[in-house]
Protein backbone atom coordinates (compact mmCIF):
# COMPACT_ATOMS: atom_id res chain seq x y z
CA MET A 1 -17.87 4.90 22.71
CA GLU A 2 -14.00 4.19 22.14
CA ASP A 3 -12.90 1.01 20.66
CA ASP A 4 -10.96 -1.08 22.60
CA VAL A 5 -7.31 -1.28 22.03
CA ASP A 6 -4.85 -4.20 22.81
CA GLU A 7 -1.23 -3.74 23.96
CA GLY A 8 -0.52 -4.69 19.93
CA GLY A 9 -2.37 -1.85 18.54
CA SER A 10 -4.90 -3.73 16.78
CA LEU A 11 -8.67 -2.79 17.61
CA VAL A 12 -11.43 -5.21 18.20
CA LEU A 13 -14.31 -4.49 16.17
CA PRO A 14 -17.58 -4.28 17.60
CA ALA A 15 -20.29 -6.30 16.76
CA PRO A 16 -22.43 -4.71 14.12
CA CYS A 17 -25.91 -3.65 14.75
CA ALA A 18 -28.86 -5.90 13.96
CA ALA A 19 -29.56 -3.58 10.80
CA ALA A 20 -26.11 -3.52 9.50
CA PRO A 21 -27.15 -4.94 5.79
CA VAL A 22 -25.23 -7.86 5.09
CA SER A 23 -24.39 -8.05 1.12
CA ARG A 24 -25.31 -10.26 -1.11
CA ARG A 25 -22.21 -11.99 -1.17
CA ALA A 26 -21.70 -12.71 1.95
CA ALA A 27 -25.26 -14.07 2.09
CA ILE A 28 -24.80 -16.70 -0.17
CA ALA A 29 -21.21 -17.50 1.33
CA SER A 30 -23.34 -18.23 4.74
CA LEU A 31 -25.80 -20.28 2.42
CA ALA A 32 -22.97 -22.21 1.15
CA LEU A 33 -21.36 -23.42 4.48
CA THR A 34 -24.23 -25.50 4.66
CA SER A 35 -23.48 -27.68 1.83
CA VAL A 36 -19.85 -27.72 1.60
CA GLY A 37 -18.12 -29.88 3.68
CA ALA A 38 -14.53 -29.89 2.80
CA CYS A 39 -11.88 -27.72 0.44
CA ALA A 40 -10.08 -28.79 -2.14
CA SER A 41 -6.58 -28.37 0.05
CA SER A 42 -5.97 -30.35 3.49
CA ARG A 43 -5.96 -28.67 7.07
CA PRO A 44 -2.67 -26.60 7.47
CA SER A 45 -0.24 -28.36 9.58
CA ARG A 46 0.62 -27.58 13.27
CA ASP A 47 3.79 -26.35 11.92
CA ALA A 48 2.44 -24.03 9.15
CA LEU A 49 0.74 -20.76 9.26
CA VAL A 50 -1.55 -20.40 6.32
CA THR A 51 -2.64 -16.63 5.21
CA LEU A 52 -5.04 -15.98 1.91
CA VAL A 53 -4.45 -13.12 -0.40
CA GLN A 54 -6.90 -12.12 -2.76
CA SER A 55 -3.59 -11.14 -5.37
CA GLU A 56 -0.72 -12.81 -6.86
CA PRO A 57 3.14 -11.29 -5.85
CA ALA A 58 5.07 -10.61 -8.41
CA HIS A 59 8.29 -9.72 -7.22
CA LEU A 60 10.20 -10.30 -4.25
CA ASP A 61 13.26 -8.29 -5.54
CA PRO A 62 13.17 -5.53 -3.32
CA ARG A 63 14.49 -3.50 -5.64
CA PHE A 64 11.55 -3.86 -7.86
CA PRO A 65 8.39 -3.32 -5.81
CA THR A 66 6.05 -3.42 -8.62
CA ASP A 67 2.91 -3.96 -5.89
CA ALA A 68 1.64 -3.52 -2.39
CA LEU A 69 1.64 -7.40 -1.87
CA SER A 70 5.28 -8.23 -2.86
CA ALA A 71 6.92 -5.06 -1.44
CA THR A 72 5.28 -6.74 2.53
CA LEU A 73 6.26 -9.94 1.66
CA ALA A 74 9.76 -8.89 0.44
CA ARG A 75 10.12 -7.07 3.74
CA LEU A 76 9.82 -10.41 5.79
CA VAL A 77 12.86 -11.29 3.87
CA TYR A 78 14.29 -7.90 4.19
CA ASP A 79 15.45 -5.85 6.34
CA SER A 80 16.28 -2.24 6.78
CA LEU A 81 18.87 0.38 8.71
CA VAL A 82 15.31 1.80 9.66
CA ASP A 83 11.86 0.68 9.55
CA VAL A 84 8.94 2.72 10.73
CA ASP A 85 6.81 2.39 13.52
CA PRO A 86 2.96 1.90 12.61
CA ALA A 87 1.46 3.13 15.69
CA THR A 88 3.36 6.39 15.62
CA LEU A 89 4.69 6.79 11.75
CA GLN A 90 8.20 7.78 13.36
CA TYR A 91 11.15 6.18 11.72
CA VAL A 92 12.64 3.83 14.29
CA PRO A 93 16.65 1.10 13.97
CA SER A 94 16.17 -2.11 12.79
CA LEU A 95 19.23 -3.54 11.04
CA ALA A 96 21.19 -0.04 12.74
CA ARG A 97 21.82 0.33 16.11
CA GLU A 98 21.43 3.64 15.53
CA VAL A 99 21.67 6.62 12.94
CA ARG A 100 23.31 9.88 14.03
CA ALA A 101 23.84 12.81 12.28
CA ILE A 102 27.36 14.24 11.89
CA ASP A 103 25.80 17.54 10.42
CA ASP A 104 23.04 18.68 7.60
CA THR A 105 24.55 16.55 5.10
CA HIS A 106 26.90 13.69 6.92
CA LEU A 107 24.92 10.57 8.40
CA ARG A 108 26.33 7.97 10.05
CA ALA A 109 24.74 4.94 10.62
CA THR A 110 26.26 1.89 12.85
CA ILE A 111 25.34 -1.90 12.28
CA ARG A 112 24.18 -4.15 14.84
CA GLY A 113 26.66 -6.67 15.81
CA ASP A 114 24.09 -9.48 15.77
CA ALA A 115 23.14 -8.70 12.72
CA THR A 116 23.13 -11.35 10.10
CA PHE A 117 21.75 -12.62 6.67
CA HIS A 118 19.98 -16.12 6.18
CA ASP A 119 23.22 -18.08 5.15
CA GLY A 120 25.19 -16.59 7.97
CA SER A 121 27.10 -14.06 7.31
CA PRO A 122 27.32 -10.95 9.29
CA VAL A 123 25.62 -7.75 7.46
CA LEU A 124 28.28 -5.51 7.07
CA ALA A 125 29.00 -1.96 6.20
CA ALA A 126 30.49 -3.44 2.44
CA ASP A 127 26.68 -4.48 1.93
CA VAL A 128 24.93 -1.45 2.89
CA VAL A 129 27.70 0.80 1.04
CA ALA A 130 27.34 -1.94 -2.23
CA THR A 131 23.22 -1.79 -1.61
CA PHE A 132 23.01 2.07 -2.19
CA ARG A 133 25.10 2.01 -4.97
CA GLY A 134 23.26 -0.30 -6.53
CA LEU A 135 20.01 1.52 -6.02
CA THR A 136 21.22 4.27 -8.15
CA ASP A 137 23.30 2.38 -10.59
CA PRO A 138 21.51 2.80 -14.00
CA ARG A 139 22.32 -0.60 -14.96
CA VAL A 140 20.30 -2.30 -12.39
CA GLY A 141 17.60 -0.38 -13.13
CA ALA A 142 15.91 0.12 -9.36
CA SER A 143 12.81 1.78 -8.63
CA SER A 144 13.91 3.84 -5.95
CA ARG A 145 16.86 4.77 -8.51
CA VAL A 146 15.38 8.48 -8.87
CA LEU A 147 14.81 8.92 -5.24
CA VAL A 148 18.01 7.88 -3.72
CA GLY A 149 19.71 9.41 -6.74
CA GLN A 150 18.07 13.01 -5.57
CA THR A 151 19.58 12.30 -1.89
CA LEU A 152 22.40 10.45 -1.71
CA ALA A 153 25.87 12.03 -3.34
CA SER A 154 27.83 8.98 -1.66
CA VAL A 155 28.07 6.26 0.72
CA ASN A 156 31.35 5.03 2.10
CA GLU A 157 32.27 2.65 4.54
CA VAL A 158 34.00 4.45 7.46
CA SER A 159 34.60 0.58 9.24
CA GLU A 160 33.08 -2.67 9.41
CA ARG A 161 30.44 -1.90 10.47
CA GLU A 162 29.85 2.04 10.22
CA VAL A 163 28.72 3.65 7.23
CA GLU A 164 28.95 7.14 6.07
CA PHE A 165 25.76 8.55 4.00
CA VAL A 166 27.00 11.76 2.41
CA LEU A 167 23.60 13.45 1.40
CA ARG A 168 23.43 16.04 -1.26
CA GLU A 169 21.60 18.73 0.57
CA PRO A 170 20.23 18.80 3.55
CA THR A 171 17.24 16.77 3.52
CA GLY A 172 13.55 15.28 5.24
CA ILE A 173 13.43 12.13 3.36
CA ALA A 174 17.44 10.70 4.40
CA SER A 175 15.00 8.09 6.33
CA LEU A 176 12.79 7.20 3.32
CA MET A 177 16.01 6.02 1.37
CA LEU A 178 17.75 4.76 4.75
CA ALA A 179 14.48 2.32 5.05
CA HIS A 180 15.54 0.98 1.56
CA PRO A 181 15.70 -2.99 2.43
CA VAL A 182 19.27 -4.48 2.45
CA LEU A 183 21.13 -6.81 0.24
CA ARG A 184 23.84 -9.17 0.51
CA ALA A 185 27.09 -6.90 -1.49
CA ARG A 186 26.94 -9.90 -3.65
CA ASP A 187 23.88 -9.62 -5.03
CA ALA A 188 23.46 -5.62 -4.67
CA LEU A 189 24.70 -5.19 -8.46
CA ARG A 190 22.91 -7.98 -10.07
CA THR A 191 19.92 -7.41 -12.55
CA GLU A 192 16.00 -8.17 -10.96
CA LEU A 193 16.30 -11.57 -9.01
CA SER A 194 13.27 -13.43 -10.94
CA SER A 195 10.73 -14.61 -8.57
CA GLU A 196 10.15 -17.79 -10.54
CA PRO A 197 10.42 -21.70 -8.70
CA GLY A 198 13.68 -22.69 -8.77
CA ASN A 199 15.25 -19.20 -7.50
CA GLU A 200 14.42 -19.32 -3.92
CA ARG A 201 18.08 -19.86 -2.90
CA LEU A 202 18.98 -16.56 -4.50
CA PHE A 203 16.74 -14.53 -1.94
CA VAL A 204 19.09 -13.98 0.89
CA GLY A 205 18.30 -11.04 3.31
CA SER A 206 18.26 -10.36 6.86
CA GLY A 207 14.70 -10.62 7.62
CA PRO A 208 12.88 -12.67 10.35
CA LEU A 209 11.73 -15.80 7.75
CA ARG A 210 13.62 -16.73 4.76
CA VAL A 211 12.55 -18.29 1.34
CA SER A 212 11.56 -21.96 1.16
CA SER A 213 8.98 -22.11 -2.12
CA LEU A 214 8.36 -19.91 -4.85
CA ALA A 215 5.65 -22.18 -6.47
CA ARG A 216 3.07 -19.87 -8.10
CA ASN A 217 0.06 -18.84 -6.33
CA ALA A 218 1.77 -20.19 -3.05
CA TRP A 219 4.81 -18.65 -1.50
CA THR A 220 6.27 -20.22 1.93
CA PHE A 221 9.26 -18.94 4.36
CA GLU A 222 10.27 -21.00 7.01
CA ARG A 223 11.19 -18.97 10.14
CA ARG A 224 14.43 -17.76 10.74
CA THR A 225 14.56 -18.54 14.45
CA PRO A 226 12.50 -21.43 15.55
CA SER A 227 10.09 -20.88 18.83
CA ALA A 228 8.41 -23.53 20.70
CA ASP A 229 4.75 -22.13 19.93
CA LYS A 230 4.57 -20.47 16.93
CA PRO A 231 4.79 -22.35 12.99
CA LYS A 232 8.14 -23.19 11.59
CA THR A 233 6.39 -22.08 7.76
CA LEU A 234 4.43 -19.50 6.92
CA ARG A 235 2.28 -20.26 3.57
CA PHE A 236 0.78 -17.33 1.52
CA LEU A 237 -1.96 -18.88 -0.96
CA THR A 238 -3.94 -16.79 -3.56
CA VAL A 239 -7.57 -16.70 -3.59
CA LYS A 240 -9.03 -14.25 -5.48
CA ASP A 241 -12.52 -15.22 -4.79
CA ALA A 242 -13.84 -13.53 -1.20
CA ASN A 243 -16.49 -16.16 -0.99
CA THR A 244 -13.53 -19.22 -1.68
CA MET A 245 -11.70 -16.98 0.79
CA ALA A 246 -14.48 -17.19 3.31
CA LEU A 247 -15.51 -20.94 3.19
CA ARG A 248 -11.50 -22.16 3.87
CA LEU A 249 -11.43 -20.02 7.30
CA LEU A 250 -14.29 -21.44 8.33
CA HIS A 251 -14.00 -24.75 7.18
CA ASP A 252 -10.38 -24.63 8.67
CA ARG A 253 -8.18 -24.43 5.35
CA ALA A 254 -6.54 -21.35 6.54
CA ASP A 255 -5.23 -19.59 9.50
CA VAL A 256 -5.14 -15.92 8.43
CA ALA A 257 -6.71 -13.64 5.61
CA GLU A 258 -7.23 -9.66 5.44
CA VAL A 259 -10.72 -9.40 4.61
CA LYS A 260 -12.81 -6.90 2.77
CA PRO A 261 -15.96 -5.48 4.61
CA GLU A 262 -18.17 -7.72 2.32
CA LEU A 263 -17.18 -10.95 4.77
CA PHE A 264 -17.32 -8.65 8.14
CA PRO A 265 -20.70 -10.51 9.22
CA LEU A 266 -19.61 -13.70 8.55
CA PHE A 267 -16.77 -13.37 11.30
CA VAL A 268 -17.70 -10.48 13.72
CA GLY A 269 -18.92 -11.78 17.13
CA ARG A 270 -18.28 -15.63 15.65
CA GLU A 271 -17.07 -17.89 18.49
CA GLY A 272 -13.49 -18.67 18.06
CA PHE A 273 -12.48 -16.16 15.09
CA THR A 274 -10.38 -13.44 16.07
CA VAL A 275 -10.80 -9.84 14.20
CA ALA A 276 -8.21 -7.52 14.54
CA ARG A 277 -8.43 -3.88 13.09
CA SER A 278 -6.41 -0.92 12.58
CA ARG A 279 -6.61 2.42 10.83
CA GLY A 280 -5.60 2.18 8.08
CA VAL A 281 -2.67 4.61 6.46
CA ALA A 282 -3.94 3.95 3.10
CA CYS A 283 -5.77 5.77 0.84
CA ALA A 284 -8.25 4.96 -2.01
CA TYR A 285 -8.77 7.82 -4.42
CA LEU A 286 -9.91 8.07 -8.35
CA PRO A 287 -7.85 9.06 -10.43
CA ILE A 288 -8.29 11.50 -13.33
CA ARG A 289 -6.40 11.73 -17.01
CA ASN A 290 -5.78 15.87 -16.58
CA ASP A 291 -4.23 16.25 -20.08
CA HIS A 292 -7.79 14.34 -21.46
CA PRO A 293 -9.28 17.10 -23.60
CA ARG A 294 -12.29 17.50 -21.38
CA LEU A 295 -10.77 16.24 -18.18
CA ALA A 296 -8.24 18.95 -18.27
CA SER A 297 -10.96 21.60 -17.03
CA ARG A 298 -11.24 21.81 -13.14
CA ASP A 299 -14.95 22.50 -13.09
CA VAL A 300 -14.98 18.87 -14.79
CA ARG A 301 -13.06 17.13 -12.22
CA ARG A 302 -14.58 19.22 -9.53
CA ALA A 303 -18.00 18.01 -11.00
CA ILE A 304 -16.97 14.35 -10.60
CA ALA A 305 -16.27 14.45 -7.15
CA HIS A 306 -19.26 16.51 -6.56
CA ALA A 307 -21.15 12.96 -8.23
CA ILE A 308 -19.23 10.68 -6.05
CA ASP A 309 -21.71 9.92 -2.90
CA ARG A 310 -18.87 9.23 -0.74
CA PRO A 311 -20.39 8.33 2.62
CA ALA A 312 -22.87 5.82 0.98
CA LEU A 313 -19.93 3.90 0.03
CA VAL A 314 -18.14 3.92 3.16
CA ARG A 315 -21.74 3.12 5.16
CA GLY A 316 -22.63 0.59 2.47
CA LYS A 317 -19.23 -0.93 1.30
CA PHE A 318 -17.23 -0.68 4.22
CA GLY A 319 -19.67 -0.67 7.09
CA GLY A 320 -18.40 2.11 8.79
CA TYR A 321 -15.30 0.62 8.79
CA ALA A 322 -13.19 3.54 7.03
CA ALA A 323 -12.66 7.17 7.07
CA GLU A 324 -13.53 9.55 4.18
CA ALA A 325 -10.60 11.12 2.49
CA THR A 326 -10.16 15.39 2.36
CA GLY A 327 -6.52 14.01 0.81
CA ILE A 328 -4.00 11.60 0.26
CA LEU A 329 -3.22 11.71 4.05
CA PRO A 330 -5.40 9.96 6.86
CA PRO A 331 -6.02 13.03 9.41
CA TRP A 332 -4.26 10.74 12.18
CA HIS A 333 -1.21 11.33 10.03
CA TRP A 334 1.49 14.13 11.47
CA ALA A 335 1.54 15.85 8.22
CA TYR A 336 -2.40 16.26 7.80
CA GLU A 337 -3.96 19.49 6.59
CA GLY A 338 -7.62 19.26 7.20
CA ALA A 339 -8.59 22.88 6.47
CA VAL A 340 -9.08 22.42 2.60
CA ASP A 341 -11.45 22.15 -0.08
CA ARG A 342 -14.07 19.37 0.15
CA TYR A 343 -16.90 18.29 -2.46
CA ALA A 344 -19.69 17.33 -0.64
CA PHE A 345 -22.31 14.67 -2.38
CA ASP A 346 -24.15 17.47 -4.60
CA PRO A 347 -25.40 15.94 -8.11
CA ARG A 348 -27.43 19.40 -8.83
CA ARG A 349 -23.96 21.16 -8.18
CA ALA A 350 -22.48 18.65 -10.25
CA ARG A 351 -24.74 19.15 -12.96
CA ALA A 352 -24.19 23.14 -13.30
CA LEU A 353 -20.34 22.41 -13.51
CA LEU A 354 -20.62 20.06 -16.13
CA ASP A 355 -23.17 22.24 -17.93
CA ALA A 356 -20.75 25.26 -18.18
CA ALA A 357 -17.65 23.10 -18.97
CA TRP A 358 -18.97 20.38 -21.10
CA PRO A 359 -22.06 21.18 -22.44
CA ARG A 360 -25.02 17.87 -22.42
CA ALA A 361 -24.65 17.62 -26.55
CA ALA A 362 -20.79 17.09 -26.00
CA ARG A 363 -21.59 14.92 -23.33
CA ALA A 364 -24.14 12.52 -24.76
CA THR A 365 -21.46 11.63 -27.50
CA GLU A 366 -18.16 11.14 -25.74
CA THR A 367 -17.18 8.42 -23.12
CA LEU A 368 -14.79 8.40 -20.37
CA VAL A 369 -13.24 5.03 -20.43
CA PHE A 370 -12.77 3.77 -16.51
CA ARG A 371 -10.32 1.21 -15.44
CA CYS A 372 -9.80 -0.65 -12.12
CA SER A 373 -8.34 -4.20 -10.84
CA ASN A 374 -11.10 -7.42 -11.49
CA GLN A 375 -10.94 -7.87 -7.62
CA ARG A 376 -14.58 -8.67 -7.06
CA PHE A 377 -14.73 -5.92 -4.03
CA VAL A 378 -13.00 -3.05 -6.23
CA LEU A 379 -15.18 -3.72 -9.27
CA THR A 380 -18.68 -3.91 -7.56
CA THR A 381 -17.44 -0.57 -5.69
CA ALA A 382 -16.29 0.96 -9.30
CA ALA A 383 -19.36 0.29 -10.55
CA ALA A 384 -21.06 1.91 -7.79
CA ILE A 385 -19.34 5.14 -8.96
CA THR A 386 -19.97 4.55 -12.23
CA GLU A 387 -23.56 4.33 -12.05
CA MET A 388 -23.13 7.97 -10.07
CA LEU A 389 -21.81 9.67 -12.55
CA ARG A 390 -24.00 8.32 -15.29
CA ALA A 391 -26.85 9.87 -13.00
CA VAL A 392 -24.86 13.27 -13.87
CA ASP A 393 -24.94 12.51 -17.79
CA ILE A 394 -21.70 11.35 -17.36
CA ARG A 395 -21.05 8.41 -19.84
CA VAL A 396 -18.97 6.20 -18.40
CA GLU A 397 -16.99 2.69 -19.54
CA LEU A 398 -15.91 0.20 -16.72
CA ARG A 399 -13.28 -1.81 -18.23
CA PRO A 400 -11.34 -4.22 -15.26
CA SER A 401 -7.95 -5.99 -15.81
CA GLU A 402 -5.45 -7.80 -13.97
CA LEU A 403 -3.72 -5.49 -11.66
CA ALA A 404 -0.62 -6.02 -13.55
CA VAL A 405 -2.33 -4.94 -16.57
CA LEU A 406 -4.15 -1.89 -15.00
CA LEU A 407 -0.94 -0.18 -14.20
CA ALA A 408 1.19 -0.92 -16.87
CA ASP A 409 -1.97 0.75 -19.13
CA LEU A 410 -1.90 3.60 -16.65
CA ARG A 411 2.24 3.92 -17.12
CA ALA A 412 1.40 4.09 -20.71
CA GLY A 413 -1.91 6.87 -20.49
CA ARG A 414 -4.85 4.27 -21.97
CA PHE A 415 -7.54 5.59 -19.20
CA ASP A 416 -9.83 8.70 -18.46
CA LEU A 417 -10.87 7.58 -14.86
CA ALA A 418 -9.60 4.94 -12.71
CA MET A 419 -9.77 3.92 -8.99
CA LEU A 420 -6.51 3.14 -7.27
CA GLN A 421 -5.50 3.04 -3.45
CA ALA A 422 -2.27 4.18 -2.46
CA PRO A 423 -1.11 1.44 0.42
CA ASP A 424 1.34 3.41 2.57
CA VAL A 425 1.29 7.08 3.05
CA SER A 426 3.60 6.85 6.22
CA GLU A 427 6.02 9.46 4.41
CA PRO A 428 4.58 12.13 3.14
CA HIS A 429 7.13 12.34 0.21
CA ILE A 430 4.57 10.09 -1.02
CA LEU A 431 2.79 13.69 -2.42
CA TRP A 432 5.98 14.01 -4.75
CA THR A 433 5.80 10.51 -5.85
CA LEU A 434 2.15 11.07 -7.00
CA PHE A 435 1.56 15.13 -8.12
CA SER A 436 5.04 16.06 -9.04
CA SER A 437 5.49 17.36 -12.84
CA GLU A 438 8.78 15.14 -12.42
CA ALA A 439 7.40 12.39 -11.72
CA ARG A 440 5.12 11.74 -14.59
CA PRO A 441 5.90 9.03 -16.90
CA THR A 442 7.12 9.58 -19.81
CA THR A 443 7.90 7.27 -23.19
CA GLU A 444 11.77 7.75 -22.59
CA ASN A 445 11.03 6.71 -18.69
CA PRO A 446 8.05 4.91 -18.30
CA ARG A 447 8.70 4.58 -14.31
CA ALA A 448 9.64 8.17 -13.66
CA GLY A 449 7.43 8.17 -10.89
CA LEU A 450 3.58 7.32 -10.16
CA ASN A 451 2.09 10.64 -11.08
CA ARG A 452 0.10 8.56 -14.15
CA TRP A 453 -2.63 11.21 -14.28
CA ARG A 454 0.19 13.38 -16.33
CA PHE A 455 -0.84 16.71 -13.54
CA SER A 456 1.51 19.62 -13.44
CA ASP A 457 1.10 22.71 -10.60
CA SER A 458 4.06 25.01 -10.54
CA ILE A 459 2.19 25.18 -6.49
CA VAL A 460 2.50 21.76 -5.72
CA ASP A 461 5.87 20.78 -7.30
CA ARG A 462 7.74 23.87 -5.02
CA GLY A 463 5.68 22.87 -1.91
CA VAL A 464 6.88 19.42 -2.40
CA ASP A 465 10.64 20.04 -3.62
CA GLN A 466 10.63 22.50 -0.26
CA GLY A 467 9.40 19.67 1.79
CA ARG A 468 11.72 17.02 0.54
CA ARG A 469 14.41 19.29 1.33
CA SER A 470 13.87 20.58 4.85
CA PRO A 471 15.32 18.31 7.93
CA ASP A 472 12.72 20.18 10.24
CA ARG A 473 9.76 18.20 10.70
CA SER A 474 7.52 21.42 11.27
CA ARG A 475 8.41 23.01 8.09
CA ARG A 476 7.92 19.81 6.20
CA ARG A 477 4.32 20.31 7.68
CA GLU A 478 3.88 23.72 6.70
CA SER A 479 4.88 22.85 3.28
CA TYR A 480 2.75 19.50 2.98
CA SER A 481 0.10 22.15 3.73
CA ILE A 482 0.38 24.07 0.98
CA VAL A 483 0.75 21.20 -1.16
CA GLN A 484 -2.44 19.76 0.26
CA LYS A 485 -4.57 22.73 -0.25
CA ARG A 486 -3.48 23.00 -3.54
CA LEU A 487 -4.55 19.79 -4.73
CA ALA A 488 -7.89 20.22 -3.04
CA GLU A 489 -8.33 22.53 -5.29
CA GLU A 490 -7.32 21.42 -8.42
CA LEU A 491 -8.25 17.92 -7.64
CA PRO A 492 -6.24 16.12 -10.11
CA VAL A 493 -7.29 12.93 -8.08
CA VAL A 494 -10.22 12.65 -6.40
CA PRO A 495 -9.64 11.25 -2.47
CA LEU A 496 -12.58 8.46 -1.40
CA TRP A 497 -11.20 7.33 1.73
CA HIS A 498 -8.99 5.91 4.26
CA PRO A 499 -9.80 1.76 4.79
CA ASP A 500 -9.46 0.09 8.02
CA VAL A 501 -7.29 -2.97 8.03
CA VAL A 502 -9.10 -5.92 9.14
CA PHE A 503 -7.32 -9.38 9.52
CA VAL A 504 -9.55 -12.14 10.63
CA GLY A 505 -7.85 -15.54 12.37
CA ALA A 506 -9.17 -18.99 13.15
CA PRO A 507 -9.77 -20.52 15.93
CA ARG A 508 -6.69 -21.94 16.40
CA VAL A 509 -4.96 -18.26 15.93
CA ARG A 510 -3.42 -16.51 19.11
CA ALA A 511 -1.79 -13.20 19.37
CA LEU A 512 -3.55 -12.03 15.66
CA ARG A 513 -2.78 -7.95 15.41
CA SER A 514 -2.92 -5.92 12.30
CA ARG A 515 -0.78 -2.86 10.46
CA GLY A 516 -2.35 -0.12 9.48
CA ASP A 517 -0.33 -0.48 6.65
CA SER A 518 -1.14 -3.81 5.79
CA ARG A 519 2.22 -5.47 6.54
CA PHE A 520 2.73 -9.07 7.68
CA ASP A 521 5.18 -8.74 10.04
CA SER A 522 2.80 -9.00 13.00
CA LEU A 523 2.21 -12.35 11.69
CA VAL A 524 6.10 -14.04 12.62
CA ASP A 525 4.73 -13.36 16.14
CA VAL A 526 1.16 -15.05 15.42
CA SER A 527 1.21 -18.46 17.65
CA ILE A 528 -0.71 -21.60 16.83
CA ARG A 529 -3.08 -23.46 19.37
């Protein structure tokens, strides 16, 4: 049966069947509703849309995205020349009225005449030039310095609202570079803007929202253009516990939240609540330390893949609202390659591979450190995977931690296995970021890239480099096909699933939609009854 699709591309979740299991946590939350009459915070104002998030954002400066939530919130404040259409994964104009190619290495962007920053000043070519020069300046130390530096030879002002980009060579990732948020010229060469209370005035972008408050765990943004039927402010409250999140929604103490599957039974079919779902472009995966004495063996990595019952986890943890992954890119991606090696759940095969590459006597005395975040849903999922690995005689110690600590430890190599999620794989250049030899963190450059698993392979390096260099999409697809096949052979990480993105809206919320990349842009269009 096909899902119903509304005009915004969000899917309406069908009600779960009567036999669908309800998690213990969901049952506890449901029982708690009979005894909890109020939450600590007051009801949201009619002028505010209150959105609950499960982690604390760290940075609002778009040049230093350390986590998906921070990058998503920064996108509400800062606009870019081009942006990605979440339905088609194609780049579309945003601040730019148009971007045209002069030749293979010259692009010219024309800025919209009505584009302005929050302080009322126009967005000019000088701001765009300063932004991209700042991104390559080592004194600034922007996270995207490598990407922009590899792509951009120079950027120059042609006229007040025209900018010319000179590329180092023909490339397929020019649009990815142009999708970087634009700052005012006066801010572009500054070091990181600290997202601390009192610094609200520093964040002046051209996006739909301006910063109002950076209070810890309660960031607030003002709508730039008032609208009679829409809230004046959007507040993002950090609520790490899933039960507390559910109670706040159910008791009218919040309006919107992206919820995990353990809470689906509370809201699907519940009168007055909106449940909006989109196919996700994220990928959850199991990183493996490739330079570990045991895990350097491809057969050991393959054994780990065979030991994980992904269909059972998709059913049990996601209620079916996720797609099993064969690689980092989802099946609906334009660059997806499905003809790759696959690893069905097969404990017998896993033990045979392990016995040949890692004798049982050695396995009995060695323990792998499995790192994950301390968010409840991630932790319980990682615990289930831990038991599956123990079932094939792999000793595992699960060590959860705060996300910031986890990422720092992964960069430093303090792990054997881990559980992560690539939040947005719209641009297949993510394969370079995750698997290129150049993207391995080093002592000298700990932020060289996201290849924290220290994987290195000449076929992958050549493929991702060709995919980066080619401006032709069909040739890019061929290059990334080779990369995906090789990654499935070598298995530096075990792809797990592509979770759907599910947002819940309280009864007073209207026009709620979900985006597959989990961005909050659609919240700007939400109305409150």
